[in-house]
Amino acid sequence: MRRSTALLFLLVVSQTISWAQSTPTSQTPDSSKATVYVYRYKQFVGAALAPSVYSDDVQLARMENGRYFTATVDAGKHIFRSNDEQSGIVLQAVAGQQYFIRVDIAAGFMKGHGRLTLMDGQQGTYELTSDKLKPLDSGKVVDKDRVSIEVAHPQAPTPATAQTADPSATPAPAPVVSSPAPVPAVTQTAAQPTPQSALQNASVTTGGVSTNSTSGDQTSLGDAARQARQKKQAQTQK
């Protein structure tokens, strides 16, 4: 009786040690690294498929339906993809930041393929913390050094704080806009009429006879010529 009890105890201890070795160890957050949450919707389509997820061509895990896992990567450039090599993500990871990648099943001719989509922080946090998602099974984890299957607790994304105006602050004076100098108006002066005296002093000379032109009594050129001929005839008769 004692012997069978001892054997049973040894069997339980060996099973516990084996399970502990196969389960990834708890990872404490590292501020020098980035955290990547990889998850998959729980859907009926493609439920039996478990596409692999790669980081820099190194297999991290095989993604089951309705599961998620957490990967820790160094800061810098990383390429994530699934078994569909035509679709992938180039991630510029920043230390201390968190990222969300969703695995979708794309229908193919013979079988479905896994495709990755980089999600927004707010949407990724909402979908990852859904009650329908569970941590990935330990048997699906390949890279136990970077993959954790603990319950995810993503940090809530902090919205950008709006800047409120200080009521006690004195408002800045409005800029003074100088108006352009007024353009002086161009005054057009009408041509002054010729004074009457100037017209009276104008003289017309025809054939040696000077004729003054006045406003009341103006001598025409024909009269002046006739008077000149008469004077010439009188001189000839003498």
C-alpha atoms as a PDB file:
ATOM      1  CA  MET A   1       0.000   0.000   0.000  1.00  0.00           C
ATOM      2  CA  ARG A   2       2.768   2.386   0.920  1.00  0.00           C
ATOM      3  CA  ARG A   3       4.673   1.443  -2.208  1.00  0.00           C
ATOM      4  CA  SER A   4       1.751   2.221  -4.509  1.00  0.00           C
ATOM      5  CA  THR A   5       1.220   5.559  -2.748  1.00  0.00           C
ATOM      6  CA  ALA A   6       4.873   6.464  -3.250  1.00  0.00           C
ATOM      7  CA  LEU A   7       4.703   5.566  -6.934  1.00  0.00           C
ATOM      8  CA  LEU A   8       1.594   7.678  -7.363  1.00  0.00           C
ATOM      9  CA  PHE A   9       3.293  10.619  -5.663  1.00  0.00           C
ATOM     10  CA  LEU A  10       6.360  10.317  -7.895  1.00  0.00           C
ATOM     11  CA  LEU A  11       4.125  10.211 -10.983  1.00  0.00           C
ATOM     12  CA  VAL A  12       2.330  13.417  -9.964  1.00  0.00           C
ATOM     13  CA  VAL A  13       5.631  15.186  -9.278  1.00  0.00           C
ATOM     14  CA  SER A  14       7.099  14.169 -12.637  1.00  0.00           C
ATOM     15  CA  GLN A  15       3.991  15.354 -14.488  1.00  0.00           C
ATOM     16  CA  THR A  16       4.152  18.695 -12.671  1.00  0.00           C
ATOM     17  CA  ILE A  17       7.822  19.193 -13.547  1.00  0.00           C
ATOM     18  CA  SER A  18       7.173  18.302 -17.191  1.00  0.00           C
ATOM     19  CA  TRP A  19       4.269  20.757 -17.433  1.00  0.00           C
ATOM     20  CA  ALA A  20       6.344  23.519 -15.823  1.00  0.00           C
ATOM     21  CA  GLN A  21       9.169  22.990 -18.319  1.00  0.00           C
ATOM     22  CA  SER A  22       6.811  23.123 -21.318  1.00  0.00           C
ATOM     23  CA  THR A  23       5.018  26.262 -20.092  1.00  0.00           C
ATOM     24  CA  PRO A  24       6.733  29.578 -20.973  1.00  0.00           C
ATOM     25  CA  THR A  25       8.009  31.391 -17.967  1.00  0.00           C
ATOM     26  CA  SER A  26       6.412  34.618 -16.825  1.00  0.00           C
ATOM     27  CA  GLN A  27       7.940  37.618 -18.518  1.00  0.00           C
ATOM     28  CA  THR A  28       8.273  40.878 -16.691  1.00  0.00           C
ATOM     29  CA  PRO A  29       7.828  44.041 -18.758  1.00  0.00           C
ATOM     30  CA  ASP A  30      11.094  45.400 -20.102  1.00  0.00           C
ATOM     31  CA  SER A  31      11.186  49.120 -20.816  1.00  0.00           C
ATOM     32  CA  SER A  32      13.949  48.594 -23.386  1.00  0.00           C
ATOM     33  CA  LYS A  33      11.724  46.353 -25.527  1.00  0.00           C
ATOM     34  CA  ALA A  34       8.399  46.648 -27.331  1.00  0.00           C
ATOM     35  CA  THR A  35       5.324  44.524 -26.666  1.00  0.00           C
ATOM     36  CA  VAL A  36       3.352  43.035 -29.566  1.00  0.00           C
ATOM     37  CA  TYR A  37      -0.091  41.500 -28.950  1.00  0.00           C
ATOM     38  CA  VAL A  38      -1.105  38.993 -31.612  1.00  0.00           C
ATOM     39  CA  TYR A  39      -4.721  37.803 -31.597  1.00  0.00           C
ATOM     40  CA  ARG A  40      -7.315  36.117 -33.783  1.00  0.00           C
ATOM     41  CA  TYR A  41     -11.089  36.436 -33.889  1.00  0.00           C
ATOM     42  CA  LYS A  42     -13.180  33.472 -32.835  1.00  0.00           C
ATOM     43  CA  GLN A  43     -15.012  32.592 -36.043  1.00  0.00           C
ATOM     44  CA  PHE A  44     -16.567  29.526 -37.570  1.00  0.00           C
ATOM     45  CA  VAL A  45     -14.819  29.982 -40.920  1.00  0.00           C
ATOM     46  CA  GLY A  46     -11.369  28.413 -40.802  1.00  0.00           C
ATOM     47  CA  ALA A  47     -11.762  27.361 -37.170  1.00  0.00           C
ATOM     48  CA  ALA A  48      -9.684  24.209 -37.712  1.00  0.00           C
ATOM     49  CA  LEU A  49      -6.770  26.120 -39.208  1.00  0.00           C
ATOM     50  CA  ALA A  50      -3.797  27.248 -37.126  1.00  0.00           C
ATOM     51  CA  PRO A  51      -1.582  29.465 -39.318  1.00  0.00           C
ATOM     52  CA  SER A  52       1.896  30.250 -38.123  1.00  0.00           C
ATOM     53  CA  VAL A  53       3.073  33.738 -37.175  1.00  0.00           C
ATOM     54  CA  TYR A  54       6.643  34.750 -37.968  1.00  0.00           C
ATOM     55  CA  SER A  55       8.834  37.607 -36.815  1.00  0.00           C
ATOM     56  CA  ASP A  56      11.882  38.229 -39.005  1.00  0.00           C
ATOM     57  CA  ASP A  57      11.345  34.762 -40.559  1.00  0.00           C
ATOM     58  CA  VAL A  58      11.479  33.127 -37.119  1.00  0.00           C
ATOM     59  CA  GLN A  59       8.327  31.224 -36.173  1.00  0.00           C
ATOM     60  CA  LEU A  60       6.741  32.530 -32.980  1.00  0.00           C
ATOM     61  CA  ALA A  61       3.655  30.358 -32.613  1.00  0.00           C
ATOM     62  CA  ARG A  62       0.724  28.769 -34.416  1.00  0.00           C
ATOM     63  CA  MET A  63      -2.389  30.877 -33.986  1.00  0.00           C
ATOM     64  CA  GLU A  64      -5.541  29.034 -32.954  1.00  0.00           C
ATOM     65  CA  ASN A  65      -9.089  30.228 -33.398  1.00  0.00           C
ATOM     66  CA  GLY A  66     -10.117  32.765 -30.739  1.00  0.00           C
ATOM     67  CA  ARG A  67      -6.691  32.921 -29.060  1.00  0.00           C
ATOM     68  CA  TYR A  68      -3.898  35.442 -28.480  1.00  0.00           C
ATOM     69  CA  PHE A  69      -0.300  35.640 -27.314  1.00  0.00           C
ATOM     70  CA  THR A  70       2.193  38.341 -26.368  1.00  0.00           C
ATOM     71  CA  ALA A  71       5.565  38.735 -28.065  1.00  0.00           C
ATOM     72  CA  THR A  72       8.469  40.851 -26.821  1.00  0.00           C
ATOM     73  CA  VAL A  73      10.803  42.285 -29.456  1.00  0.00           C
ATOM     74  CA  ASP A  74      13.771  44.624 -29.437  1.00  0.00           C
ATOM     75  CA  ALA A  75      13.383  48.210 -30.533  1.00  0.00           C
ATOM     76  CA  GLY A  76      13.895  48.688 -34.238  1.00  0.00           C
ATOM     77  CA  LYS A  77      12.597  47.290 -37.504  1.00  0.00           C
ATOM     78  CA  HIS A  78      10.793  43.938 -37.538  1.00  0.00           C
ATOM     79  CA  ILE A  79       8.847  42.109 -40.247  1.00  0.00           C
ATOM     80  CA  PHE A  80       5.781  40.127 -39.184  1.00  0.00           C
ATOM     81  CA  ARG A  81       3.920  37.751 -41.480  1.00  0.00           C
ATOM     82  CA  SER A  82       1.860  34.604 -41.496  1.00  0.00           C
ATOM     83  CA  ASN A  83       1.875  31.718 -44.002  1.00  0.00           C
ATOM     84  CA  ASP A  84       0.671  34.089 -46.722  1.00  0.00           C
ATOM     85  CA  GLU A  85       3.999  35.548 -47.830  1.00  0.00           C
ATOM     86  CA  GLN A  86       2.290  38.186 -49.988  1.00  0.00           C
ATOM     87  CA  SER A  87       0.951  39.925 -46.887  1.00  0.00           C
ATOM     88  CA  GLY A  88       3.070  41.234 -44.049  1.00  0.00           C
ATOM     89  CA  ILE A  89       3.811  44.113 -41.679  1.00  0.00           C
ATOM     90  CA  VAL A  90       6.973  46.188 -41.400  1.00  0.00           C
ATOM     91  CA  LEU A  91       6.955  47.355 -37.785  1.00  0.00           C
ATOM     92  CA  GLN A  92       9.228  50.119 -36.524  1.00  0.00           C
ATOM     93  CA  ALA A  93       9.100  49.121 -32.880  1.00  0.00           C
ATOM     94  CA  VAL A  94       9.770  51.731 -30.204  1.00  0.00           C
ATOM     95  CA  ALA A  95      10.995  50.729 -26.766  1.00  0.00           C
ATOM     96  CA  GLY A  96       8.248  50.729 -24.146  1.00  0.00           C
ATOM     97  CA  GLN A  97       5.422  50.900 -26.734  1.00  0.00           C
ATOM     98  CA  GLN A  98       2.706  48.313 -27.391  1.00  0.00           C
ATOM     99  CA  TYR A  99       1.347  47.153 -30.757  1.00  0.00           C
ATOM    100  CA  PHE A 100      -1.615  45.039 -31.850  1.00  0.00           C
ATOM    101  CA  ILE A 101      -1.614  42.576 -34.761  1.00  0.00           C
ATOM    102  CA  ARG A 102      -4.745  40.721 -35.805  1.00  0.00           C
ATOM    103  CA  VAL A 103      -4.626  37.396 -37.654  1.00  0.00           C
ATOM    104  CA  ASP A 104      -7.336  36.882 -40.276  1.00  0.00           C
ATOM    105  CA  ILE A 105      -8.070  33.845 -42.418  1.00  0.00           C
ATOM    106  CA  ALA A 106      -8.106  34.572 -46.137  1.00  0.00           C
ATOM    107  CA  ALA A 107      -9.837  31.960 -48.254  1.00  0.00           C
ATOM    108  CA  GLY A 108      -7.632  30.222 -50.776  1.00  0.00           C
ATOM    109  CA  PHE A 109      -8.079  27.728 -53.597  1.00  0.00           C
ATOM    110  CA  MET A 110      -6.948  24.711 -51.622  1.00  0.00           C
ATOM    111  CA  LYS A 111      -6.813  26.040 -48.063  1.00  0.00           C
ATOM    112  CA  GLY A 112      -7.018  29.246 -46.090  1.00  0.00           C
ATOM    113  CA  HIS A 113      -4.049  31.454 -45.371  1.00  0.00           C
ATOM    114  CA  GLY A 114      -3.277  33.673 -42.424  1.00  0.00           C
ATOM    115  CA  ARG A 115      -2.947  37.393 -43.035  1.00  0.00           C
ATOM    116  CA  LEU A 116      -1.803  39.990 -40.530  1.00  0.00           C
ATOM    117  CA  THR A 117      -3.215  43.461 -39.978  1.00  0.00           C
ATOM    118  CA  LEU A 118      -1.653  46.136 -37.779  1.00  0.00           C
ATOM    119  CA  MET A 119      -4.485  47.571 -35.683  1.00  0.00           C
ATOM    120  CA  ASP A 120      -5.013  50.932 -34.036  1.00  0.00           C
ATOM    121  CA  GLY A 121      -4.245  51.007 -30.313  1.00  0.00           C
ATOM    122  CA  GLN A 122      -7.795  51.731 -29.189  1.00  0.00           C
ATOM    123  CA  GLN A 123      -9.415  49.131 -31.431  1.00  0.00           C
ATOM    124  CA  GLY A 124      -6.736  46.566 -30.654  1.00  0.00           C
ATOM    125  CA  THR A 125      -7.208  47.031 -26.904  1.00  0.00           C
ATOM    126  CA  TYR A 126     -10.962  46.590 -27.235  1.00  0.00           C
ATOM    127  CA  GLU A 127     -10.766  43.448 -29.374  1.00  0.00           C
ATOM    128  CA  LEU A 128      -7.969  41.853 -27.359  1.00  0.00           C
ATOM    129  CA  THR A 129      -9.799  42.200 -24.037  1.00  0.00           C
ATOM    130  CA  SER A 130     -12.968  40.569 -25.410  1.00  0.00           C
ATOM    131  CA  ASP A 131     -14.432  37.762 -23.327  1.00  0.00           C
ATOM    132  CA  LYS A 132     -14.365  35.490 -26.378  1.00  0.00           C
ATOM    133  CA  LEU A 133     -10.577  35.451 -26.625  1.00  0.00           C
ATOM    134  CA  LYS A 134      -8.339  33.236 -24.514  1.00  0.00           C
ATOM    135  CA  PRO A 135      -4.561  32.820 -24.210  1.00  0.00           C
ATOM    136  CA  LEU A 136      -2.924  30.499 -26.698  1.00  0.00           C
ATOM    137  CA  ASP A 137      -2.281  26.882 -25.727  1.00  0.00           C
ATOM    138  CA  SER A 138       1.275  26.231 -24.654  1.00  0.00           C
ATOM    139  CA  GLY A 139       1.614  23.455 -27.237  1.00  0.00           C
ATOM    140  CA  LYS A 140       1.238  26.022 -30.041  1.00  0.00           C
ATOM    141  CA  VAL A 141       4.148  28.185 -28.846  1.00  0.00           C
ATOM    142  CA  VAL A 142       7.408  27.735 -30.778  1.00  0.00           C
ATOM    143  CA  ASP A 143       9.625  30.619 -29.627  1.00  0.00           C
ATOM    144  CA  LYS A 144       9.325  30.349 -25.850  1.00  0.00           C
ATOM    145  CA  ASP A 145      11.934  33.056 -25.276  1.00  0.00           C
ATOM    146  CA  ARG A 146       9.846  35.838 -26.845  1.00  0.00           C
ATOM    147  CA  VAL A 147       6.289  34.514 -26.558  1.00  0.00           C
ATOM    148  CA  SER A 148       4.143  34.671 -23.431  1.00  0.00           C
ATOM    149  CA  ILE A 149       0.667  33.155 -23.006  1.00  0.00           C
ATOM    150  CA  GLU A 150      -0.203  34.943 -19.804  1.00  0.00           C
ATOM    151  CA  VAL A 151      -3.445  36.880 -19.519  1.00  0.00           C
ATOM    152  CA  ALA A 152      -2.917  40.102 -21.422  1.00  0.00           C
ATOM    153  CA  HIS A 153      -3.291  43.418 -19.636  1.00  0.00           C
ATOM    154  CA  PRO A 154      -2.622  46.057 -22.314  1.00  0.00           C
ATOM    155  CA  GLN A 155      -2.262  49.627 -21.212  1.00  0.00           C
ATOM    156  CA  ALA A 156      -5.155  51.860 -22.120  1.00  0.00           C
ATOM    157  CA  PRO A 157      -4.077  54.277 -24.856  1.00  0.00           C
ATOM    158  CA  THR A 158      -3.830  57.806 -23.530  1.00  0.00           C
ATOM    159  CA  PRO A 159      -5.769  60.273 -25.663  1.00  0.00           C
ATOM    160  CA  ALA A 160      -4.106  63.515 -26.596  1.00  0.00           C
ATOM    161  CA  THR A 161      -4.812  66.079 -23.897  1.00  0.00           C
ATOM    162  CA  ALA A 162      -6.590  69.154 -25.164  1.00  0.00           C
ATOM    163  CA  GLN A 163      -4.940  72.461 -24.346  1.00  0.00           C
ATOM    164  CA  THR A 164      -7.324  74.685 -22.397  1.00  0.00           C
ATOM    165  CA  ALA A 165      -6.963  78.424 -22.401  1.00  0.00           C
ATOM    166  CA  ASP A 166      -6.008  80.125 -19.145  1.00  0.00           C
ATOM    167  CA  PRO A 167      -8.756  82.655 -18.280  1.00  0.00           C
ATOM    168  CA  SER A 168      -6.307  84.770 -16.266  1.00  0.00           C
ATOM    169  CA  ALA A 169      -3.918  85.109 -19.153  1.00  0.00           C
ATOM    170  CA  THR A 170      -3.917  88.425 -20.912  1.00  0.00           C
ATOM    171  CA  PRO A 171      -4.902  87.984 -24.527  1.00  0.00           C
ATOM    172  CA  ALA A 172      -2.249  88.895 -27.013  1.00  0.00           C
ATOM    173  CA  PRO A 173      -2.921  92.180 -28.771  1.00  0.00           C
ATOM    174  CA  ALA A 174      -4.199  91.924 -32.254  1.00  0.00           C
ATOM    175  CA  PRO A 175      -1.576  92.692 -34.876  1.00  0.00           C
ATOM    176  CA  VAL A 176      -1.793  96.188 -36.272  1.00  0.00           C
ATOM    177  CA  VAL A 177      -2.173  96.188 -39.988  1.00  0.00           C
ATOM    178  CA  SER A 178      -0.973  99.435 -41.514  1.00  0.00           C
ATOM    179  CA  SER A 179      -3.154 100.667 -44.324  1.00  0.00           C
ATOM    180  CA  PRO A 180      -1.384 101.762 -47.489  1.00  0.00           C
ATOM    181  CA  ALA A 181      -0.887 105.469 -48.067  1.00  0.00           C
ATOM    182  CA  PRO A 182      -3.716 106.983 -50.100  1.00  0.00           C
ATOM    183  CA  VAL A 183      -2.897 107.592 -53.709  1.00  0.00           C
ATOM    184  CA  PRO A 184      -3.336 111.308 -54.528  1.00  0.00           C
ATOM    185  CA  ALA A 185      -6.105 111.897 -57.005  1.00  0.00           C
ATOM    186  CA  VAL A 186      -4.977 113.150 -60.353  1.00  0.00           C
ATOM    187  CA  THR A 187      -6.723 116.431 -61.035  1.00  0.00           C
ATOM    188  CA  GLN A 188      -7.328 117.144 -64.656  1.00  0.00           C
ATOM    189  CA  THR A 189      -7.458 120.860 -65.397  1.00  0.00           C
ATOM    190  CA  ALA A 190      -9.572 121.926 -68.322  1.00  0.00           C
ATOM    191  CA  ALA A 191      -7.846 123.910 -71.014  1.00  0.00           C
ATOM    192  CA  GLN A 192      -8.263 127.568 -70.229  1.00  0.00           C
ATOM    193  CA  PRO A 193      -9.968 129.516 -73.020  1.00  0.00           C
ATOM    194  CA  THR A 194      -7.861 132.041 -74.878  1.00  0.00           C
ATOM    195  CA  PRO A 195      -8.475 135.520 -73.479  1.00  0.00           C
ATOM    196  CA  GLN A 196     -10.379 137.926 -75.687  1.00  0.00           C
ATOM    197  CA  SER A 197      -7.478 140.386 -75.600  1.00  0.00           C
ATOM    198  CA  ALA A 198      -5.179 137.787 -77.108  1.00  0.00           C
ATOM    199  CA  LEU A 199      -7.560 137.307 -79.998  1.00  0.00           C
ATOM    200  CA  GLN A 200      -7.726 141.021 -80.526  1.00  0.00           C
ATOM    201  CA  ASN A 201      -3.953 141.302 -80.702  1.00  0.00           C
ATOM    202  CA  ALA A 202      -3.646 138.517 -83.308  1.00  0.00           C
ATOM    203  CA  SER A 203      -2.706 139.918 -86.730  1.00  0.00           C
ATOM    204  CA  VAL A 204      -2.951 138.445 -90.201  1.00  0.00           C
ATOM    205  CA  THR A 205      -0.503 139.634 -92.852  1.00  0.00           C
ATOM    206  CA  THR A 206      -1.388 139.043 -96.469  1.00  0.00           C
ATOM    207  CA  GLY A 207       0.484 140.592 -99.343  1.00  0.00           C
ATOM    208  CA  GLY A 208       2.267 143.123 -97.073  1.00  0.00           C
ATOM    209  CA  VAL A 209      -0.979 144.300 -95.430  1.00  0.00           C
ATOM    210  CA  SER A 210      -1.322 143.660 -91.718  1.00  0.00           C
ATOM    211  CA  THR A 211      -4.872 143.064 -90.612  1.00  0.00           C
ATOM    212  CA  ASN A 212      -5.869 142.979 -86.942  1.00  0.00           C
ATOM    213  CA  SER A 213      -8.429 140.393 -86.050  1.00  0.00           C
ATOM    214  CA  THR A 214     -11.001 141.410 -83.449  1.00  0.00           C
ATOM    215  CA  SER A 215     -14.051 139.709 -82.078  1.00  0.00           C
ATOM    216  CA  GLY A 216     -16.476 142.384 -83.364  1.00  0.00           C
ATOM    217  CA  ASP A 217     -14.926 143.346 -86.724  1.00  0.00           C
ATOM    218  CA  GLN A 218     -12.724 140.725 -88.351  1.00  0.00           C
ATOM    219  CA  THR A 219     -11.341 141.381 -91.874  1.00  0.00           C
ATOM    220  CA  SER A 220     -11.308 138.392 -94.142  1.00  0.00           C
ATOM    221  CA  LEU A 221      -8.387 137.476 -96.330  1.00  0.00           C
ATOM    222  CA  GLY A 222     -10.351 138.252 -99.483  1.00  0.00           C
ATOM    223  CA  ASP A 223     -11.038 141.857 -98.354  1.00  0.00           C
ATOM    224  CA  ALA A 224      -7.404 142.380 -97.520  1.00  0.00           C
ATOM    225  CA  ALA A 225      -6.342 141.129-100.936  1.00  0.00           C
ATOM    226  CA  ARG A 226      -8.865 143.373-102.697  1.00  0.00           C
ATOM    227  CA  GLN A 227      -7.688 146.441-100.811  1.00  0.00           C
ATOM    228  CA  ALA A 228      -4.114 145.607-101.720  1.00  0.00           C
ATOM    229  CA  ARG A 229      -4.967 145.424-105.457  1.00  0.00           C
ATOM    230  CA  GLN A 230      -6.836 148.703-105.306  1.00  0.00           C
ATOM    231  CA  LYS A 231      -3.875 150.383-103.679  1.00  0.00           C
ATOM    232  CA  LYS A 232      -1.517 148.950-106.301  1.00  0.00           C
ATOM    233  CA  GLN A 233      -3.713 150.181-109.176  1.00  0.00           C
ATOM    234  CA  ALA A 234      -3.862 153.675-107.668  1.00  0.00           C
ATOM    235  CA  GLN A 235      -0.071 153.768-107.462  1.00  0.00           C
ATOM    236  CA  THR A 236       0.196 152.641-111.105  1.00  0.00           C
ATOM    237  CA  GLN A 237      -2.203 155.370-112.344  1.00  0.00           C
ATOM    238  CA  LYS A 238      -0.101 158.024-110.684  1.00  0.00           C
END
